[in-house]
Amino acid sequence: MEKITSDMTINEVIGVDRKLTKILLEHGMHCIGCPHALGETLAEAGAVHGIDVDEMVKKLNAAVA
């Protein structure tokens, strides 16, 4: 299984497993359908939205493990 990293785009994360959308939304990443999801990394989106990206990445990886 592919490891989720903070330098992946939102669309890349969703491409690993669509169920990860729920975790993204729980952490305030409501930009799932936004055009920025195509090119914005988790780290970039987290900085804009004030999200603890490290914690979110841990949860994303735990979900796909």
PDB file of N, CA and C in Angstrom:
ATOM      1  N   MET A   1       0.849  -1.175   0.000  1.00  0.00           N
ATOM      2  CA  MET A   1       0.000   0.000   0.000  1.00  0.00           C
ATOM      3  C   MET A   1       0.891   1.233   0.000  1.00  0.00           C
ATOM      4  N   GLU A   2       0.457   2.239  -0.739  1.00  0.00           N
ATOM      5  CA  GLU A   2       1.211   3.481  -0.842  1.00  0.00           C
ATOM      6  C   GLU A   2       1.137   4.259   0.469  1.00  0.00           C
ATOM      7  N   LYS A   3       2.280   4.806   0.895  1.00  0.00           N
ATOM      8  CA  LYS A   3       2.326   5.600   2.119  1.00  0.00           C
ATOM      9  C   LYS A   3       1.900   7.032   1.800  1.00  0.00           C
ATOM     10  N   ILE A   4       1.060   7.583   2.650  1.00  0.00           N
ATOM     11  CA  ILE A   4       0.604   8.960   2.509  1.00  0.00           C
ATOM     12  C   ILE A   4       1.667   9.881   3.099  1.00  0.00           C
ATOM     13  N   THR A   5       2.009  10.936   2.360  1.00  0.00           N
ATOM     14  CA  THR A   5       2.971  11.930   2.839  1.00  0.00           C
ATOM     15  C   THR A   5       2.380  13.321   2.679  1.00  0.00           C
ATOM     16  N   SER A   6       2.941  14.273   3.391  1.00  0.00           N
ATOM     17  CA  SER A   6       2.418  15.640   3.355  1.00  0.00           C
ATOM     18  C   SER A   6       2.703  16.343   2.033  1.00  0.00           C
ATOM     19  N   ASP A   7       3.569  15.771   1.201  1.00  0.00           N
ATOM     20  CA  ASP A   7       3.836  16.400  -0.092  1.00  0.00           C
ATOM     21  C   ASP A   7       2.957  15.833  -1.217  1.00  0.00           C
ATOM     22  N   MET A   8       1.993  14.992  -0.853  1.00  0.00           N
ATOM     23  CA  MET A   8       1.033  14.486  -1.830  1.00  0.00           C
ATOM     24  C   MET A   8      -0.098  15.497  -1.984  1.00  0.00           C
ATOM     25  N   THR A   9      -0.663  15.571  -3.190  1.00  0.00           N
ATOM     26  CA  THR A   9      -1.825  16.431  -3.380  1.00  0.00           C
ATOM     27  C   THR A   9      -3.053  15.757  -2.772  1.00  0.00           C
ATOM     28  N   ILE A  10      -4.066  16.546  -2.560  1.00  0.00           N
ATOM     29  CA  ILE A  10      -5.312  16.023  -2.009  1.00  0.00           C
ATOM     30  C   ILE A  10      -5.880  14.949  -2.936  1.00  0.00           C
ATOM     31  N   ASN A  11      -5.834  15.191  -4.230  1.00  0.00           N
ATOM     32  CA  ASN A  11      -6.334  14.201  -5.194  1.00  0.00           C
ATOM     33  C   ASN A  11      -5.510  12.917  -5.160  1.00  0.00           C
ATOM     34  N   GLU A  12      -4.209  13.009  -4.969  1.00  0.00           N
ATOM     35  CA  GLU A  12      -3.381  11.804  -4.872  1.00  0.00           C
ATOM     36  C   GLU A  12      -3.774  10.980  -3.653  1.00  0.00           C
ATOM     37  N   VAL A  13      -4.052  11.650  -2.549  1.00  0.00           N
ATOM     38  CA  VAL A  13      -4.463  10.947  -1.335  1.00  0.00           C
ATOM     39  C   VAL A  13      -5.780  10.221  -1.569  1.00  0.00           C
ATOM     40  N   ILE A  14      -6.735  10.907  -2.157  1.00  0.00           N
ATOM     41  CA  ILE A  14      -8.032  10.295  -2.442  1.00  0.00           C
ATOM     42  C   ILE A  14      -7.875   9.138  -3.425  1.00  0.00           C
ATOM     43  N   GLY A  15      -6.905   9.260  -4.331  1.00  0.00           N
ATOM     44  CA  GLY A  15      -6.640   8.194  -5.288  1.00  0.00           C
ATOM     45  C   GLY A  15      -6.120   6.916  -4.644  1.00  0.00           C
ATOM     46  N   VAL A  16      -5.470   7.046  -3.491  1.00  0.00           N
ATOM     47  CA  VAL A  16      -4.990   5.870  -2.763  1.00  0.00           C
ATOM     48  C   VAL A  16      -6.182   5.074  -2.248  1.00  0.00           C
ATOM     49  N   ASP A  17      -7.157   5.781  -1.680  1.00  0.00           N
ATOM     50  CA  ASP A  17      -8.365   5.123  -1.169  1.00  0.00           C
ATOM     51  C   ASP A  17      -9.413   6.207  -0.930  1.00  0.00           C
ATOM     52  N   ARG A  18     -10.549   6.070  -1.572  1.00  0.00           N
ATOM     53  CA  ARG A  18     -11.599   7.090  -1.453  1.00  0.00           C
ATOM     54  C   ARG A  18     -12.117   7.255  -0.023  1.00  0.00           C
ATOM     55  N   LYS A  19     -11.975   6.229   0.803  1.00  0.00           N
ATOM     56  CA  LYS A  19     -12.463   6.349   2.184  1.00  0.00           C
ATOM     57  C   LYS A  19     -11.662   7.378   2.984  1.00  0.00           C
ATOM     58  N   LEU A  20     -10.498   7.777   2.480  1.00  0.00           N
ATOM     59  CA  LEU A  20      -9.683   8.778   3.168  1.00  0.00           C
ATOM     60  C   LEU A  20     -10.320  10.156   3.126  1.00  0.00           C
ATOM     61  N   THR A  21     -11.284  10.336   2.235  1.00  0.00           N
ATOM     62  CA  THR A  21     -12.007  11.602   2.152  1.00  0.00           C
ATOM     63  C   THR A  21     -12.615  11.959   3.504  1.00  0.00           C
ATOM     64  N   LYS A  22     -13.154  10.975   4.202  1.00  0.00           N
ATOM     65  CA  LYS A  22     -13.778  11.210   5.510  1.00  0.00           C
ATOM     66  C   LYS A  22     -12.772  11.807   6.492  1.00  0.00           C
ATOM     67  N   ILE A  23     -11.566  11.274   6.518  1.00  0.00           N
ATOM     68  CA  ILE A  23     -10.530  11.781   7.439  1.00  0.00           C
ATOM     69  C   ILE A  23     -10.139  13.201   7.055  1.00  0.00           C
ATOM     70  N   LEU A  24      -9.990  13.451   5.764  1.00  0.00           N
ATOM     71  CA  LEU A  24      -9.659  14.806   5.310  1.00  0.00           C
ATOM     72  C   LEU A  24     -10.735  15.793   5.772  1.00  0.00           C
ATOM     73  N   LEU A  25     -11.986  15.430   5.592  1.00  0.00           N
ATOM     74  CA  LEU A  25     -13.087  16.301   6.002  1.00  0.00           C
ATOM     75  C   LEU A  25     -13.109  16.507   7.520  1.00  0.00           C
ATOM     76  N   GLU A  26     -12.841  15.448   8.277  1.00  0.00           N
ATOM     77  CA  GLU A  26     -12.815  15.553   9.746  1.00  0.00           C
ATOM     78  C   GLU A  26     -11.747  16.533  10.231  1.00  0.00           C
ATOM     79  N   HIS A  27     -10.696  16.693   9.437  1.00  0.00           N
ATOM     80  CA  HIS A  27      -9.602  17.599   9.811  1.00  0.00           C
ATOM     81  C   HIS A  27      -9.766  18.995   9.209  1.00  0.00           C
ATOM     82  N   GLY A  28     -10.910  19.262   8.613  1.00  0.00           N
ATOM     83  CA  GLY A  28     -11.171  20.597   8.077  1.00  0.00           C
ATOM     84  C   GLY A  28     -10.737  20.802   6.642  1.00  0.00           C
ATOM     85  N   MET A  29     -10.356  19.723   5.966  1.00  0.00           N
ATOM     86  CA  MET A  29      -9.976  19.811   4.547  1.00  0.00           C
ATOM     87  C   MET A  29     -11.241  19.695   3.707  1.00  0.00           C
ATOM     88  N   HIS A  30     -11.974  20.802   3.620  1.00  0.00           N
ATOM     89  CA  HIS A  30     -13.222  20.796   2.871  1.00  0.00           C
ATOM     90  C   HIS A  30     -13.019  21.162   1.411  1.00  0.00           C
ATOM     91  N   CYS A  31     -11.785  21.121   0.957  1.00  0.00           N
ATOM     92  CA  CYS A  31     -11.457  21.498  -0.416  1.00  0.00           C
ATOM     93  C   CYS A  31     -11.358  20.269  -1.325  1.00  0.00           C
ATOM     94  N   ILE A  32     -12.067  19.211  -0.999  1.00  0.00           N
ATOM     95  CA  ILE A  32     -12.006  17.966  -1.750  1.00  0.00           C
ATOM     96  C   ILE A  32     -12.335  18.194  -3.230  1.00  0.00           C
ATOM     97  N   GLY A  33     -13.380  18.930  -3.506  1.00  0.00           N
ATOM     98  CA  GLY A  33     -13.792  19.176  -4.891  1.00  0.00           C
ATOM     99  C   GLY A  33     -13.255  20.469  -5.473  1.00  0.00           C
ATOM    100  N   CYS A  34     -12.484  21.179  -4.712  1.00  0.00           N
ATOM    101  CA  CYS A  34     -11.924  22.463  -5.133  1.00  0.00           C
ATOM    102  C   CYS A  34     -10.848  22.253  -6.189  1.00  0.00           C
ATOM    103  N   PRO A  35     -10.725  23.177  -7.140  1.00  0.00           N
ATOM    104  CA  PRO A  35      -9.657  23.057  -8.144  1.00  0.00           C
ATOM    105  C   PRO A  35      -8.257  22.977  -7.532  1.00  0.00           C
ATOM    106  N   HIS A  36      -8.089  23.539  -6.337  1.00  0.00           N
ATOM    107  CA  HIS A  36      -6.776  23.489  -5.682  1.00  0.00           C
ATOM    108  C   HIS A  36      -6.396  22.064  -5.280  1.00  0.00           C
ATOM    109  N   ALA A  37      -7.362  21.190  -5.151  1.00  0.00           N
ATOM    110  CA  ALA A  37      -7.095  19.800  -4.758  1.00  0.00           C
ATOM    111  C   ALA A  37      -6.228  19.088  -5.787  1.00  0.00           C
ATOM    112  N   LEU A  38      -6.219  19.595  -7.001  1.00  0.00           N
ATOM    113  CA  LEU A  38      -5.414  18.980  -8.058  1.00  0.00           C
ATOM    114  C   LEU A  38      -3.927  19.249  -7.887  1.00  0.00           C
ATOM    115  N   GLY A  39      -3.567  20.401  -7.340  1.00  0.00           N
ATOM    116  CA  GLY A  39      -2.157  20.739  -7.274  1.00  0.00           C
ATOM    117  C   GLY A  39      -1.645  21.134  -5.906  1.00  0.00           C
ATOM    118  N   GLU A  40      -2.538  21.308  -4.949  1.00  0.00           N
ATOM    119  CA  GLU A  40      -2.126  21.724  -3.610  1.00  0.00           C
ATOM    120  C   GLU A  40      -1.797  20.500  -2.765  1.00  0.00           C
ATOM    121  N   THR A  41      -0.650  20.538  -2.119  1.00  0.00           N
ATOM    122  CA  THR A  41      -0.252  19.414  -1.268  1.00  0.00           C
ATOM    123  C   THR A  41      -0.978  19.493   0.072  1.00  0.00           C
ATOM    124  N   LEU A  42      -0.928  18.394   0.815  1.00  0.00           N
ATOM    125  CA  LEU A  42      -1.513  18.401   2.158  1.00  0.00           C
ATOM    126  C   LEU A  42      -0.845  19.465   3.015  1.00  0.00           C
ATOM    127  N   ALA A  43       0.474  19.590   2.897  1.00  0.00           N
ATOM    128  CA  ALA A  43       1.215  20.577   3.687  1.00  0.00           C
ATOM    129  C   ALA A  43       0.762  22.000   3.352  1.00  0.00           C
ATOM    130  N   GLU A  44       0.595  22.279   2.068  1.00  0.00           N
ATOM    131  CA  GLU A  44       0.159  23.615   1.648  1.00  0.00           C
ATOM    132  C   GLU A  44      -1.262  23.905   2.116  1.00  0.00           C
ATOM    133  N   ALA A  45      -2.152  22.958   1.926  1.00  0.00           N
ATOM    134  CA  ALA A  45      -3.546  23.141   2.351  1.00  0.00           C
ATOM    135  C   ALA A  45      -3.628  23.267   3.864  1.00  0.00           C
ATOM    136  N   GLY A  46      -2.826  22.473   4.564  1.00  0.00           N
ATOM    137  CA  GLY A  46      -2.805  22.546   6.023  1.00  0.00           C
ATOM    138  C   GLY A  46      -2.351  23.901   6.524  1.00  0.00           C
ATOM    139  N   ALA A  47      -1.356  24.472   5.872  1.00  0.00           N
ATOM    140  CA  ALA A  47      -0.854  25.787   6.264  1.00  0.00           C
ATOM    141  C   ALA A  47      -1.926  26.857   6.064  1.00  0.00           C
ATOM    142  N   VAL A  48      -2.665  26.761   4.981  1.00  0.00           N
ATOM    143  CA  VAL A  48      -3.714  27.725   4.680  1.00  0.00           C
ATOM    144  C   VAL A  48      -4.869  27.603   5.669  1.00  0.00           C
ATOM    145  N   HIS A  49      -5.206  26.375   6.038  1.00  0.00           N
ATOM    146  CA  HIS A  49      -6.374  26.134   6.880  1.00  0.00           C
ATOM    147  C   HIS A  49      -6.036  25.932   8.362  1.00  0.00           C
ATOM    148  N   GLY A  50      -4.770  26.056   8.733  1.00  0.00           N
ATOM    149  CA  GLY A  50      -4.368  25.912  10.136  1.00  0.00           C
ATOM    150  C   GLY A  50      -4.575  24.514  10.688  1.00  0.00           C
ATOM    151  N   ILE A  51      -4.236  23.514   9.881  1.00  0.00           N
ATOM    152  CA  ILE A  51      -4.446  22.112  10.242  1.00  0.00           C
ATOM    153  C   ILE A  51      -3.119  21.476  10.641  1.00  0.00           C
ATOM    154  N   ASP A  52      -3.151  20.632  11.666  1.00  0.00           N
ATOM    155  CA  ASP A  52      -1.969  19.859  12.075  1.00  0.00           C
ATOM    156  C   ASP A  52      -1.799  18.716  11.065  1.00  0.00           C
ATOM    157  N   VAL A  53      -0.984  18.956  10.070  1.00  0.00           N
ATOM    158  CA  VAL A  53      -0.820  18.011   8.966  1.00  0.00           C
ATOM    159  C   VAL A  53      -0.164  16.719   9.425  1.00  0.00           C
ATOM    160  N   ASP A  54       0.794  16.800  10.335  1.00  0.00           N
ATOM    161  CA  ASP A  54       1.464  15.585  10.811  1.00  0.00           C
ATOM    162  C   ASP A  54       0.463  14.619  11.448  1.00  0.00           C
ATOM    163  N   GLU A  55      -0.426  15.148  12.271  1.00  0.00           N
ATOM    164  CA  GLU A  55      -1.449  14.314  12.915  1.00  0.00           C
ATOM    165  C   GLU A  55      -2.398  13.721  11.871  1.00  0.00           C
ATOM    166  N   MET A  56      -2.786  14.534  10.896  1.00  0.00           N
ATOM    167  CA  MET A  56      -3.686  14.063   9.855  1.00  0.00           C
ATOM    168  C   MET A  56      -3.028  12.965   9.018  1.00  0.00           C
ATOM    169  N   VAL A  57      -1.775  13.132   8.666  1.00  0.00           N
ATOM    170  CA  VAL A  57      -1.052  12.129   7.879  1.00  0.00           C
ATOM    171  C   VAL A  57      -0.957  10.815   8.647  1.00  0.00           C
ATOM    172  N   LYS A  58      -0.743  10.886   9.965  1.00  0.00           N
ATOM    173  CA  LYS A  58      -0.710   9.666  10.782  1.00  0.00           C
ATOM    174  C   LYS A  58      -2.040   8.929  10.685  1.00  0.00           C
ATOM    175  N   LYS A  59      -3.140   9.652  10.786  1.00  0.00           N
ATOM    176  CA  LYS A  59      -4.463   9.047  10.721  1.00  0.00           C
ATOM    177  C   LYS A  59      -4.742   8.474   9.328  1.00  0.00           C
ATOM    178  N   LEU A  60      -4.309   9.192   8.301  1.00  0.00           N
ATOM    179  CA  LEU A  60      -4.511   8.709   6.931  1.00  0.00           C
ATOM    180  C   LEU A  60      -3.755   7.386   6.711  1.00  0.00           C
ATOM    181  N   ASN A  61      -2.510   7.340   7.178  1.00  0.00           N
ATOM    182  CA  ASN A  61      -1.718   6.119   7.026  1.00  0.00           C
ATOM    183  C   ASN A  61      -2.273   4.968   7.853  1.00  0.00           C
ATOM    184  N   ALA A  62      -2.771   5.267   9.035  1.00  0.00           N
ATOM    185  CA  ALA A  62      -3.374   4.222   9.866  1.00  0.00           C
ATOM    186  C   ALA A  62      -4.613   3.643   9.180  1.00  0.00           C
ATOM    187  N   ALA A  63      -5.334   4.485   8.484  1.00  0.00           N
ATOM    188  CA  ALA A  63      -6.559   4.028   7.811  1.00  0.00           C
ATOM    189  C   ALA A  63      -6.272   3.105   6.634  1.00  0.00           C
ATOM    190  N   VAL A  64      -5.132   3.285   5.990  1.00  0.00           N
ATOM    191  CA  VAL A  64      -4.822   2.437   4.838  1.00  0.00           C
ATOM    192  C   VAL A  64      -3.939   1.259   5.201  1.00  0.00           C
ATOM    193  N   ALA A  65      -3.483   1.205   6.458  1.00  0.00           N
ATOM    194  CA  ALA A  65      -2.609   0.109   6.881  1.00  0.00           C
ATOM    195  C   ALA A  65      -3.370  -1.195   7.025  1.00  0.00           C
TER     196      ALA A  65
END
